[in-house]
């Protein structure tokens, strides 16, 4: 059981993964701060449209990762992810 846990956690222990997750989390915090706490007339204010657009991009990225995992690693062509994504 311990070997399966270390296999699952190995990608999280790589330096590049930690840097990527740190940058992603920092960008999330900065965009949230700039949207909520900057006045609308400010040059640093992030509009609601931009936040909505970033949310859509993240949904598309999540779909791409799901299809990559199912089709790429497992070799199973499943269009169920696309149908579920199209409905929601």
N, C-alpha and C. Protein backbone atom coordinates (compact mmCIF):
# COMPACT_ATOMS: atom_id res chain seq x y z
N UNK A 1 0.81 -1.19 0.00
CA UNK A 1 0.00 0.00 0.00
C UNK A 1 0.86 1.25 0.00
N UNK A 2 1.99 1.20 0.69
CA UNK A 2 2.84 2.37 0.77
C UNK A 2 3.46 2.69 -0.59
N UNK A 3 3.76 1.67 -1.38
CA UNK A 3 4.36 1.92 -2.69
C UNK A 3 3.39 2.61 -3.63
N UNK A 4 2.10 2.28 -3.54
CA UNK A 4 1.12 2.95 -4.40
C UNK A 4 0.94 4.41 -3.99
N UNK A 5 1.06 4.71 -2.72
CA UNK A 5 0.94 6.10 -2.28
C UNK A 5 2.14 6.92 -2.74
N UNK A 6 3.33 6.36 -2.68
CA UNK A 6 4.50 7.10 -3.15
C UNK A 6 4.46 7.29 -4.66
N UNK A 7 3.90 6.34 -5.39
CA UNK A 7 3.77 6.49 -6.83
C UNK A 7 2.82 7.63 -7.17
N UNK A 8 1.74 7.77 -6.39
CA UNK A 8 0.78 8.83 -6.65
C UNK A 8 1.33 10.20 -6.27
N UNK A 9 2.15 10.27 -5.24
CA UNK A 9 2.67 11.55 -4.77
C UNK A 9 3.96 11.97 -5.46
N UNK A 10 4.57 11.10 -6.24
CA UNK A 10 5.84 11.42 -6.88
C UNK A 10 5.77 12.65 -7.77
N UNK A 11 4.73 12.82 -8.62
CA UNK A 11 4.69 14.04 -9.44
C UNK A 11 4.59 15.32 -8.62
N UNK A 12 3.98 15.26 -7.44
CA UNK A 12 3.86 16.45 -6.61
C UNK A 12 5.17 16.81 -5.94
N UNK A 13 6.11 15.89 -5.88
CA UNK A 13 7.38 16.15 -5.23
C UNK A 13 8.42 16.72 -6.19
N UNK A 14 8.13 16.74 -7.48
CA UNK A 14 9.07 17.30 -8.44
C UNK A 14 9.10 18.82 -8.31
N UNK A 15 10.25 19.38 -8.54
CA UNK A 15 10.45 20.83 -8.37
C UNK A 15 9.62 21.63 -9.37
N UNK A 16 9.56 21.17 -10.61
CA UNK A 16 8.81 21.92 -11.63
C UNK A 16 7.32 21.94 -11.32
N UNK A 17 6.79 20.86 -10.78
CA UNK A 17 5.38 20.82 -10.40
C UNK A 17 5.10 21.78 -9.26
N UNK A 18 5.99 21.83 -8.29
CA UNK A 18 5.81 22.74 -7.17
C UNK A 18 5.87 24.19 -7.62
N UNK A 19 6.77 24.50 -8.54
CA UNK A 19 6.86 25.87 -9.05
C UNK A 19 5.60 26.23 -9.82
N UNK A 20 5.12 25.32 -10.67
CA UNK A 20 3.91 25.58 -11.45
C UNK A 20 2.70 25.81 -10.55
N UNK A 21 2.53 24.95 -9.55
CA UNK A 21 1.40 25.11 -8.64
C UNK A 21 1.51 26.39 -7.83
N UNK A 22 2.72 26.77 -7.45
CA UNK A 22 2.93 28.02 -6.72
C UNK A 22 2.57 29.23 -7.56
N UNK A 23 2.98 29.23 -8.83
CA UNK A 23 2.66 30.34 -9.73
C UNK A 23 1.16 30.39 -9.99
N UNK A 24 0.52 29.24 -10.18
CA UNK A 24 -0.92 29.19 -10.42
C UNK A 24 -1.70 29.71 -9.22
N UNK A 25 -1.31 29.28 -8.03
CA UNK A 25 -1.99 29.74 -6.82
C UNK A 25 -1.77 31.23 -6.60
N UNK A 26 -0.57 31.71 -6.87
CA UNK A 26 -0.27 33.14 -6.72
C UNK A 26 -1.09 33.98 -7.70
N UNK A 27 -1.21 33.51 -8.95
CA UNK A 27 -2.01 34.22 -9.94
C UNK A 27 -3.47 34.26 -9.53
N UNK A 28 -3.97 33.18 -8.96
CA UNK A 28 -5.35 33.14 -8.48
C UNK A 28 -5.57 34.17 -7.38
N UNK A 29 -4.65 34.26 -6.45
CA UNK A 29 -4.76 35.22 -5.36
C UNK A 29 -4.68 36.65 -5.88
N UNK A 30 -3.76 36.92 -6.81
CA UNK A 30 -3.58 38.28 -7.35
C UNK A 30 -4.81 38.71 -8.13
N UNK A 31 -5.35 37.84 -9.00
CA UNK A 31 -6.53 38.20 -9.79
C UNK A 31 -7.72 38.45 -8.87
N UNK A 32 -7.89 37.62 -7.86
CA UNK A 32 -8.99 37.81 -6.91
C UNK A 32 -8.84 39.13 -6.17
N UNK A 33 -7.64 39.42 -5.72
CA UNK A 33 -7.39 40.67 -5.00
C UNK A 33 -7.65 41.88 -5.90
N UNK A 34 -7.14 41.84 -7.14
CA UNK A 34 -7.32 42.96 -8.05
C UNK A 34 -8.78 43.15 -8.45
N UNK A 35 -9.54 42.09 -8.50
CA UNK A 35 -10.96 42.21 -8.85
C UNK A 35 -11.78 42.76 -7.69
N UNK A 36 -11.52 42.27 -6.49
CA UNK A 36 -12.37 42.64 -5.36
C UNK A 36 -11.99 43.95 -4.69
N UNK A 37 -10.71 44.26 -4.62
CA UNK A 37 -10.29 45.37 -3.77
C UNK A 37 -9.80 46.60 -4.52
N UNK A 38 -9.65 46.55 -5.82
CA UNK A 38 -9.25 47.73 -6.57
C UNK A 38 -10.50 48.46 -7.07
N UNK A 39 -10.49 49.79 -7.00
CA UNK A 39 -11.66 50.53 -7.51
C UNK A 39 -11.80 50.35 -9.02
N UNK A 40 -13.01 50.52 -9.52
CA UNK A 40 -13.27 50.24 -10.93
C UNK A 40 -12.53 51.18 -11.86
N UNK A 41 -12.23 52.37 -11.46
CA UNK A 41 -11.52 53.30 -12.32
C UNK A 41 -10.03 53.06 -12.37
N UNK A 42 -9.52 52.21 -11.51
CA UNK A 42 -8.08 51.97 -11.43
C UNK A 42 -7.59 51.17 -12.63
N UNK A 43 -6.33 51.42 -13.00
CA UNK A 43 -5.73 50.68 -14.11
C UNK A 43 -5.46 49.22 -13.73
N UNK A 44 -5.37 48.94 -12.44
CA UNK A 44 -5.09 47.58 -11.99
C UNK A 44 -6.34 46.74 -11.75
N UNK A 45 -7.51 47.34 -11.91
CA UNK A 45 -8.75 46.61 -11.68
C UNK A 45 -8.95 45.55 -12.76
N UNK A 46 -9.30 44.34 -12.33
CA UNK A 46 -9.62 43.25 -13.26
C UNK A 46 -11.14 43.19 -13.37
N UNK A 47 -11.64 43.30 -14.59
CA UNK A 47 -13.09 43.35 -14.79
C UNK A 47 -13.74 41.99 -14.55
N UNK A 48 -15.05 42.03 -14.36
CA UNK A 48 -15.80 40.79 -14.17
C UNK A 48 -15.76 39.94 -15.43
N UNK A 49 -15.69 40.58 -16.59
CA UNK A 49 -15.59 39.85 -17.85
C UNK A 49 -14.30 39.02 -17.90
N UNK A 50 -13.20 39.62 -17.45
CA UNK A 50 -11.92 38.91 -17.45
C UNK A 50 -11.95 37.73 -16.50
N UNK A 51 -12.56 37.91 -15.35
CA UNK A 51 -12.66 36.81 -14.38
C UNK A 51 -13.52 35.68 -14.95
N UNK A 52 -14.61 36.04 -15.61
CA UNK A 52 -15.47 35.03 -16.24
C UNK A 52 -14.72 34.30 -17.35
N UNK A 53 -13.95 35.05 -18.14
CA UNK A 53 -13.18 34.45 -19.22
C UNK A 53 -12.12 33.50 -18.68
N UNK A 54 -11.46 33.87 -17.60
CA UNK A 54 -10.47 32.99 -16.98
C UNK A 54 -11.14 31.71 -16.45
N UNK A 55 -12.35 31.84 -15.91
CA UNK A 55 -13.09 30.67 -15.45
C UNK A 55 -13.41 29.71 -16.59
N UNK A 56 -13.79 30.27 -17.74
CA UNK A 56 -14.06 29.43 -18.91
C UNK A 56 -12.79 28.72 -19.37
N UNK A 57 -11.67 29.45 -19.39
CA UNK A 57 -10.40 28.84 -19.79
C UNK A 57 -10.03 27.70 -18.85
N UNK A 58 -10.27 27.88 -17.56
CA UNK A 58 -9.96 26.81 -16.60
C UNK A 58 -10.86 25.60 -16.81
N UNK A 59 -12.12 25.83 -17.18
CA UNK A 59 -13.02 24.70 -17.48
C UNK A 59 -12.54 23.94 -18.71
N UNK A 60 -12.11 24.67 -19.74
CA UNK A 60 -11.58 24.00 -20.94
C UNK A 60 -10.30 23.24 -20.61
N UNK A 61 -9.47 23.80 -19.76
CA UNK A 61 -8.24 23.10 -19.37
C UNK A 61 -8.56 21.83 -18.60
N UNK A 62 -9.57 21.88 -17.74
CA UNK A 62 -9.98 20.70 -16.99
C UNK A 62 -10.50 19.61 -17.93
N UNK A 63 -11.26 20.01 -18.94
CA UNK A 63 -11.74 19.04 -19.93
C UNK A 63 -10.57 18.43 -20.70
N UNK A 64 -9.60 19.25 -21.07
CA UNK A 64 -8.44 18.74 -21.81
C UNK A 64 -7.64 17.76 -20.97
N UNK A 65 -7.48 18.04 -19.69
CA UNK A 65 -6.75 17.12 -18.82
C UNK A 65 -7.51 15.81 -18.66
N UNK A 66 -8.83 15.88 -18.53
CA UNK A 66 -9.63 14.67 -18.38
C UNK A 66 -9.54 13.79 -19.62
N UNK A 67 -9.66 14.41 -20.79
CA UNK A 67 -9.56 13.63 -22.03
C UNK A 67 -8.16 13.07 -22.21
N UNK A 68 -7.14 13.85 -21.83
CA UNK A 68 -5.76 13.37 -21.94
C UNK A 68 -5.53 12.17 -21.03
N UNK A 69 -6.05 12.21 -19.83
CA UNK A 69 -5.87 11.09 -18.91
C UNK A 69 -6.57 9.84 -19.41
N UNK A 70 -7.81 9.98 -19.85
CA UNK A 70 -8.57 8.81 -20.27
C UNK A 70 -8.07 8.25 -21.59
N UNK A 71 -7.83 9.12 -22.56
CA UNK A 71 -7.45 8.67 -23.89
C UNK A 71 -5.95 8.42 -23.99
N UNK A 72 -5.16 9.29 -23.40
CA UNK A 72 -3.71 9.17 -23.54
C UNK A 72 -3.10 8.06 -22.71
N UNK A 73 -3.39 8.05 -21.43
CA UNK A 73 -2.76 7.07 -20.54
C UNK A 73 -3.47 5.73 -20.57
N UNK A 74 -4.78 5.73 -20.64
CA UNK A 74 -5.52 4.48 -20.59
C UNK A 74 -5.82 3.90 -21.96
N UNK A 75 -5.78 4.74 -22.99
CA UNK A 75 -6.05 4.26 -24.34
C UNK A 75 -7.52 4.02 -24.62
N UNK A 76 -8.38 4.61 -23.84
CA UNK A 76 -9.82 4.42 -24.02
C UNK A 76 -10.40 5.68 -24.66
N UNK A 77 -10.98 5.54 -25.84
CA UNK A 77 -11.62 6.68 -26.48
C UNK A 77 -13.02 6.82 -25.89
N UNK A 78 -13.20 7.82 -25.05
CA UNK A 78 -14.49 8.04 -24.41
C UNK A 78 -14.93 9.46 -24.71
N UNK A 79 -16.06 9.58 -25.36
CA UNK A 79 -16.60 10.90 -25.65
C UNK A 79 -17.62 11.33 -24.60
N UNK A 80 -17.72 10.56 -23.54
CA UNK A 80 -18.64 10.90 -22.46
C UNK A 80 -18.25 12.19 -21.76
N UNK A 81 -16.94 12.46 -21.67
CA UNK A 81 -16.51 13.71 -21.05
C UNK A 81 -17.00 14.90 -21.87
N UNK A 82 -16.90 14.79 -23.18
CA UNK A 82 -17.35 15.87 -24.05
C UNK A 82 -18.85 16.08 -23.97
N UNK A 83 -19.61 14.98 -23.90
CA UNK A 83 -21.07 15.09 -23.79
C UNK A 83 -21.46 15.72 -22.45
N UNK A 84 -20.80 15.30 -21.39
CA UNK A 84 -21.08 15.88 -20.07
C UNK A 84 -20.72 17.36 -20.05
N UNK A 85 -19.61 17.71 -20.68
CA UNK A 85 -19.18 19.10 -20.74
C UNK A 85 -20.15 19.93 -21.58
N UNK A 86 -20.67 19.36 -22.65
CA UNK A 86 -21.59 20.09 -23.52
C UNK A 86 -22.92 20.36 -22.82
N UNK A 87 -23.33 19.47 -21.94
CA UNK A 87 -24.60 19.67 -21.24
C UNK A 87 -24.51 20.74 -20.16
N UNK A 88 -23.34 20.89 -19.58
CA UNK A 88 -23.23 21.74 -18.41
C UNK A 88 -22.72 23.09 -18.63
